[in-house]
Protein backbone atom coordinates (compact mmCIF):
# COMPACT_ATOMS: atom_id res chain seq x y z
CA UNK A 1 -24.21 6.85 -3.41
CA UNK A 2 -22.95 6.69 -7.45
CA UNK A 3 -20.81 9.72 -6.57
CA UNK A 4 -19.20 7.99 -3.78
CA UNK A 5 -18.25 4.86 -5.59
CA UNK A 6 -16.12 6.87 -8.30
CA UNK A 7 -14.39 8.52 -5.71
CA UNK A 8 -13.91 5.18 -4.42
CA UNK A 9 -12.19 4.12 -7.71
CA UNK A 10 -10.67 7.14 -8.27
CA UNK A 11 -8.93 6.87 -5.87
CA UNK A 12 -7.87 3.00 -6.09
CA UNK A 13 -6.37 4.33 -9.37
CA UNK A 14 -4.77 7.28 -7.93
CA UNK A 15 -2.94 4.18 -5.83
CA UNK A 16 -2.40 1.97 -8.56
CA UNK A 17 -0.69 5.05 -10.24
CA UNK A 18 2.30 4.73 -7.38
CA UNK A 19 4.35 1.81 -9.11
CA UNK A 20 4.23 3.88 -12.56
CA UNK A 21 5.25 7.22 -11.11
CA UNK A 22 7.73 4.90 -9.25
CA UNK A 23 9.70 3.99 -12.36
CA UNK A 24 8.96 7.99 -14.04
CA UNK A 25 10.97 9.49 -10.90
CA UNK A 26 15.02 9.28 -11.25
CA UNK A 27 15.81 9.00 -7.63
CA UNK A 28 16.82 6.12 -6.03
CA UNK A 29 13.84 4.80 -3.84
CA UNK A 30 14.93 6.30 -0.23
CA UNK A 31 15.40 10.15 -1.43
CA UNK A 32 12.23 8.83 -3.57
CA UNK A 33 9.96 8.31 -0.22
CA UNK A 34 11.78 10.95 1.63
CA UNK A 35 10.45 13.63 -1.00
CA UNK A 36 7.32 12.01 -0.99
CA UNK A 37 6.47 12.06 2.48
CA UNK A 38 7.68 15.77 2.58
CA UNK A 39 5.27 17.23 0.66
CA UNK A 40 2.52 14.86 1.77
CA UNK A 41 3.13 15.85 5.53
CA UNK A 42 3.06 19.60 4.04
CA UNK A 43 0.61 19.21 2.25
CA UNK A 44 -1.96 17.11 5.31
CA UNK A 45 -0.29 19.93 7.81
CA UNK A 46 -1.95 22.47 5.91
CA UNK A 47 -5.56 20.86 4.96
CA UNK A 48 -6.11 19.66 8.29
CA UNK A 49 -5.44 23.34 9.92
CA UNK A 50 -7.69 24.76 6.88
CA UNK A 51 -10.50 22.17 7.64
CA UNK A 52 -9.65 22.67 11.84
CA UNK A 53 -8.71 19.15 11.94
CA UNK A 54 -5.50 19.33 13.73
CA UNK A 55 -5.53 17.49 17.14
CA UNK A 56 -3.44 17.48 19.94
CA UNK A 57 -1.26 14.29 21.10
CA UNK A 58 0.16 13.26 24.08
CA UNK A 59 3.92 12.54 23.75
CA UNK A 60 3.40 8.55 24.30
CA UNK A 61 0.73 8.28 21.51
CA UNK A 62 2.67 10.51 18.94
CA UNK A 63 5.96 8.25 19.00
CA UNK A 64 3.49 5.03 18.87
CA UNK A 65 1.85 6.67 15.52
CA UNK A 66 5.53 7.41 14.34
CA UNK A 67 6.82 4.02 14.66
CA UNK A 68 4.26 2.59 12.49
CA UNK A 69 4.80 5.40 10.07
CA UNK A 70 8.89 4.66 10.46
CA UNK A 71 6.96 1.13 9.02
CA UNK A 72 4.80 3.09 6.73
CA UNK A 73 8.40 4.73 5.26
CA UNK A 74 10.17 1.26 5.37
CA UNK A 75 7.21 -0.71 3.05
CA UNK A 76 7.60 2.06 0.99
CA UNK A 77 11.36 2.23 0.19
CA UNK A 78 11.51 -1.57 -0.17
CA UNK A 79 8.19 -1.22 -2.90
CA UNK A 80 10.11 1.24 -4.90
CA UNK A 81 13.49 -0.53 -4.66
CA UNK A 82 11.71 -3.54 -6.01
CA UNK A 83 10.46 -1.49 -8.81
CA UNK A 84 14.14 0.13 -9.74
CA UNK A 85 15.49 -3.67 -10.17
CA UNK A 86 12.89 -5.22 -11.62
CA UNK A 87 9.83 -3.68 -13.34
CA UNK A 88 6.04 -2.16 -12.03
CA UNK A 89 4.20 -5.59 -12.67
CA UNK A 90 6.57 -7.77 -10.76
CA UNK A 91 6.57 -5.56 -8.05
CA UNK A 92 2.92 -5.26 -7.94
CA UNK A 93 2.45 -8.98 -8.27
CA UNK A 94 5.13 -9.19 -4.94
CA UNK A 95 2.35 -6.41 -3.64
CA UNK A 96 -0.20 -9.08 -3.55
CA UNK A 97 1.51 -11.36 -1.01
CA UNK A 98 0.62 -9.00 1.88
CA UNK A 99 -2.89 -11.08 2.01
CA UNK A 100 -0.51 -14.11 3.06
CA UNK A 101 1.64 -12.32 5.87
CA UNK A 102 -1.29 -10.75 7.08
CA UNK A 103 -2.79 -14.39 7.39
CA UNK A 104 0.64 -15.26 9.34
CA UNK A 105 1.26 -11.96 11.38
CA UNK A 106 -2.09 -10.57 12.74
CA UNK A 107 -2.93 -13.31 14.43
CA UNK A 108 0.53 -13.68 16.22
CA UNK A 109 0.26 -9.82 17.08
CA UNK A 110 -3.30 -9.66 17.88
CA UNK A 111 -4.05 -12.62 19.14
CA UNK A 112 -6.82 -13.85 17.33
CA UNK A 113 -6.98 -17.69 15.78
CA UNK A 114 -5.53 -18.25 12.66
CA UNK A 115 -7.39 -18.68 9.58
CA UNK A 116 -7.11 -21.67 7.59
CA UNK A 117 -8.21 -20.41 4.77
CA UNK A 118 -6.06 -16.98 4.53
CA UNK A 119 -3.29 -19.19 4.63
CA UNK A 120 -4.26 -21.26 1.95
CA UNK A 121 -5.23 -18.62 -1.01
CA UNK A 122 -1.51 -16.31 0.66
CA UNK A 123 0.25 -20.02 -0.20
CA UNK A 124 -1.44 -19.91 -3.63
CA UNK A 125 -0.39 -16.54 -4.03
CA UNK A 126 2.98 -17.37 -2.62
CA UNK A 127 2.84 -19.95 -5.41
CA UNK A 128 2.37 -17.74 -8.41
CA UNK A 129 5.32 -15.83 -7.26
CA UNK A 130 7.52 -18.63 -6.76
CA UNK A 131 6.81 -19.53 -10.56
CA UNK A 132 7.90 -16.21 -11.95
CA UNK A 133 11.00 -16.10 -9.48
CA UNK A 134 12.08 -19.87 -10.90
CA UNK A 135 11.71 -19.04 -14.47
CA UNK A 136 12.13 -15.33 -14.90
CA UNK A 137 15.36 -15.16 -12.77
CA UNK A 138 16.39 -11.77 -13.98
CA UNK A 139 13.65 -10.01 -11.63
CA UNK A 140 15.31 -12.57 -9.02
CA UNK A 141 16.80 -9.24 -6.50
CA UNK A 142 13.59 -7.17 -7.42
CA UNK A 143 11.39 -9.98 -6.17
CA UNK A 144 13.02 -10.35 -2.89
CA UNK A 145 13.13 -6.81 -2.26
CA UNK A 146 9.65 -6.83 -3.23
CA UNK A 147 8.58 -9.90 -0.63
CA UNK A 148 10.13 -7.60 2.08
CA UNK A 149 7.95 -4.98 0.89
CA UNK A 150 4.98 -7.22 1.99
CA UNK A 151 6.26 -8.58 4.97
CA UNK A 152 6.69 -4.37 6.00
CA UNK A 153 3.29 -4.12 4.36
CA UNK A 154 1.34 -7.25 6.17
CA UNK A 155 2.48 -4.70 10.05
CA UNK A 156 1.32 -1.42 9.31
CA UNK A 157 -2.37 -2.21 9.31
CA UNK A 158 -2.40 -4.49 12.13
CA UNK A 159 -0.78 -1.46 13.70
CA UNK A 160 -3.30 0.73 12.13
CA UNK A 161 -6.38 -1.02 13.49
CA UNK A 162 -4.82 -0.84 17.04
CA UNK A 163 -4.43 3.01 16.66
CA UNK A 164 -8.03 3.67 14.42
CA UNK A 165 -9.46 2.09 18.21
CA UNK A 166 -8.62 5.31 19.91
CA UNK A 167 -7.75 7.78 16.71
CA UNK A 168 -9.82 9.26 13.68
CA UNK A 169 -8.06 8.54 10.32
CA UNK A 170 -6.68 12.05 10.06
CA UNK A 171 -5.06 11.81 12.72
CA UNK A 172 -3.21 8.72 12.47
CA UNK A 173 -2.27 9.61 9.06
CA UNK A 174 -1.04 13.05 9.87
CA UNK A 175 1.06 11.68 12.17
CA UNK A 176 2.28 8.44 10.17
CA UNK A 177 3.39 10.21 7.01
CA UNK A 178 5.16 13.04 9.56
CA UNK A 179 6.81 10.31 11.25
CA UNK A 180 7.53 8.11 8.77
CA UNK A 181 9.55 11.62 6.99
CA UNK A 182 11.36 12.44 10.14
CA UNK A 183 12.60 8.44 10.54
CA UNK A 184 14.11 8.51 7.09
CA UNK A 185 15.29 12.02 7.78
CA UNK A 186 17.29 10.55 10.55
CA UNK A 187 18.89 7.28 9.04
CA UNK A 188 19.13 8.94 5.35
CA UNK A 189 22.82 9.90 5.74
CA UNK A 190 23.52 6.35 6.79
CA UNK A 191 21.22 5.07 3.88
CA UNK A 192 22.89 7.32 1.34
CA UNK A 193 26.75 6.03 2.88
CA UNK A 194 25.66 1.99 1.65
CA UNK A 195 23.00 3.13 -0.95
CA UNK A 196 24.81 5.69 -3.44
CA UNK A 197 22.29 8.28 -5.13
CA UNK A 198 23.57 9.50 -8.34
CA UNK A 199 21.77 12.91 -7.42
CA UNK A 200 19.98 13.69 -4.60
CA UNK A 201 18.05 17.26 -5.72
CA UNK A 202 15.35 16.02 -8.16
CA UNK A 203 15.45 17.19 -11.64
CA UNK A 204 12.16 19.42 -12.80
CA UNK A 205 10.54 16.16 -14.34
CA UNK A 206 11.47 14.46 -10.70
CA UNK A 207 9.83 17.56 -9.05
CA UNK A 208 6.89 17.46 -11.15
CA UNK A 209 5.80 13.80 -10.69
CA UNK A 210 7.22 13.78 -6.80
CA UNK A 211 4.12 16.44 -6.27
CA UNK A 212 1.75 14.48 -8.57
CA UNK A 213 2.51 11.40 -6.19
CA UNK A 214 2.34 13.53 -2.53
CA UNK A 215 -0.65 15.65 -3.67
CA UNK A 216 -2.75 13.23 -5.80
CA UNK A 217 -1.79 9.84 -5.40
CA UNK A 218 -1.31 10.14 -1.44
CA UNK A 219 -3.46 13.47 -0.09
CA UNK A 220 -6.36 13.73 -2.61
CA UNK A 221 -6.37 9.72 -2.82
CA UNK A 222 -7.08 9.81 1.15
CA UNK A 223 -9.04 12.35 0.92
CA UNK A 224 -11.60 10.43 -1.67
CA UNK A 225 -11.56 7.58 0.10
CA UNK A 226 -12.63 9.29 3.65
CA UNK A 227 -15.38 10.78 1.17
CA UNK A 228 -16.05 7.73 -0.12
CA UNK A 229 -16.39 5.71 3.83
CA UNK A 230 -19.34 8.43 4.58
CA UNK A 231 -21.24 6.85 1.77
CA UNK A 232 -19.87 3.43 1.46
CA UNK A 233 -18.48 0.82 4.39
CA UNK A 234 -15.42 0.19 5.47
CA UNK A 235 -15.83 -2.96 4.25
CA UNK A 236 -16.57 -2.27 0.61
CA UNK A 237 -13.81 0.40 0.64
CA UNK A 238 -11.34 -2.49 1.43
CA UNK A 239 -12.34 -5.01 -0.68
CA UNK A 240 -12.04 -2.35 -3.33
CA UNK A 241 -8.22 -2.02 -3.06
CA UNK A 242 -7.97 -5.31 -3.38
CA UNK A 243 -8.15 -3.77 -7.34
CA UNK A 244 -4.74 -1.85 -6.72
CA UNK A 245 -2.35 -4.23 -8.02
CA UNK A 246 -4.58 -4.85 -10.78
CA UNK A 247 -4.70 -1.03 -11.70
CA UNK A 248 -1.11 -0.93 -11.30
CA UNK A 249 -0.12 -3.82 -13.55
CA UNK A 250 -2.88 -2.51 -16.28
CA UNK A 251 -1.40 0.84 -16.24
CA UNK A 252 2.49 -0.63 -16.85
CA UNK A 253 1.34 -2.59 -19.89
CA UNK A 254 -0.29 0.60 -21.79
CA UNK A 255 2.42 3.32 -20.49
CA UNK A 256 5.43 0.96 -20.61
CA UNK A 257 4.11 -2.09 -22.50
CA UNK A 258 5.59 -4.83 -19.68
CA UNK A 259 3.08 -6.89 -21.00
CA UNK A 260 6.13 -7.38 -24.00
CA UNK A 261 9.05 -8.18 -21.14
CA UNK A 262 7.28 -10.40 -19.43
CA UNK A 263 7.29 -14.40 -20.11
CA UNK A 264 4.32 -17.04 -20.10
CA UNK A 265 5.43 -17.79 -16.62
CA UNK A 266 4.49 -14.19 -15.61
CA UNK A 267 1.26 -14.80 -16.60
CA UNK A 268 0.56 -18.14 -15.31
CA UNK A 269 1.96 -16.85 -12.10
CA UNK A 270 -0.12 -13.75 -12.06
CA UNK A 271 -3.29 -15.84 -13.23
CA UNK A 272 -2.66 -18.03 -9.54
CA UNK A 273 -2.42 -14.76 -7.74
CA UNK A 274 -5.74 -13.68 -9.35
CA UNK A 275 -7.72 -16.23 -8.66
CA UNK A 276 -6.36 -15.95 -5.03
CA UNK A 277 -8.02 -12.39 -4.88
CA UNK A 278 -10.84 -13.43 -6.18
CA UNK A 279 -11.37 -15.97 -3.91
CA UNK A 280 -10.60 -14.12 -1.02
CA UNK A 281 -12.84 -11.85 -1.73
CA UNK A 282 -15.87 -13.84 -2.11
CA UNK A 283 -14.97 -15.46 1.25
CA UNK A 284 -14.63 -12.03 2.74
CA UNK A 285 -17.94 -10.74 0.79
CA UNK A 286 -20.01 -14.11 1.76
CA UNK A 287 -18.47 -14.13 5.73
CA UNK A 288 -19.67 -10.28 5.72
CA UNK A 289 -23.82 -11.05 3.98
CA UNK A 290 -24.05 -13.90 6.73
CA UNK A 291 -22.60 -11.61 9.87
CA UNK A 292 -25.01 -8.62 8.63
CA UNK A 293 -27.85 -11.50 8.36
CA UNK A 294 -26.85 -12.97 11.99
CA UNK A 295 -26.86 -9.20 13.21
CA UNK A 296 -29.90 -7.23 11.65
CA UNK A 297 -32.20 -10.40 11.56
CA UNK A 298 -33.11 -10.31 15.71
CA UNK A 299 -33.91 -6.56 15.70
CA UNK A 300 -36.33 -6.40 12.17
CA UNK A 301 -37.67 -9.24 14.79
């Protein structure tokens, strides 16, 4: 169990590292994600072929998963675009708004009732972002793109929820990453027409960091999460991933000293967001505990 928790936190730390790497890589956001998905999809195909986890799907199912992969690709492009136009910390703060948008879109798409507590906590996050947006106007463009990233980021977990009812996580991840790469390949010429890049081929340093981003922060992080799931509940894994923005911001403070570039209003806004995340974690934990008690007690009798 201890090993599983260590694997899980390494996976979350690697996920938090993606923002830091996004600032290191000099490619524009579209090309950055294209190369990330290229390297990741190659690694996943090789890994799953070696472990004999490749599964054939019907064309209709493949197209459905590719659609989810396209949303993932757009989410990543917006996420790294937010970093390029602001910084890692501001982008990760906007990333925290995913919970709010999920509370809005999931009931609309799935047909479940709206949860007042999730919407209220999400509004607390929006208030924190609005505070930063109002006073730190230098990050306005980055914040807007970051919120677009959060909207897109709230959609694909809802899409994945339906997909995972029919397919295993390995199959969904493989086809989503591959589908996202194919989608970006199709739109990249048009994207580069409107968002010109200073260079298309990555430098040696860019290639190194892209490999770290693809192999460690994507493939290895996924593999560690899957191993942790064998010993730890999915509930605990999802709850632990709430730490991802906090890990990322801490790394940005240490590596880039972004703490010196941010104003007091950023910290006040981030405090509101941290309160929301902690409160939401406690509510989810309490709900899970009560549900577990209700489910287990009759069987014990």
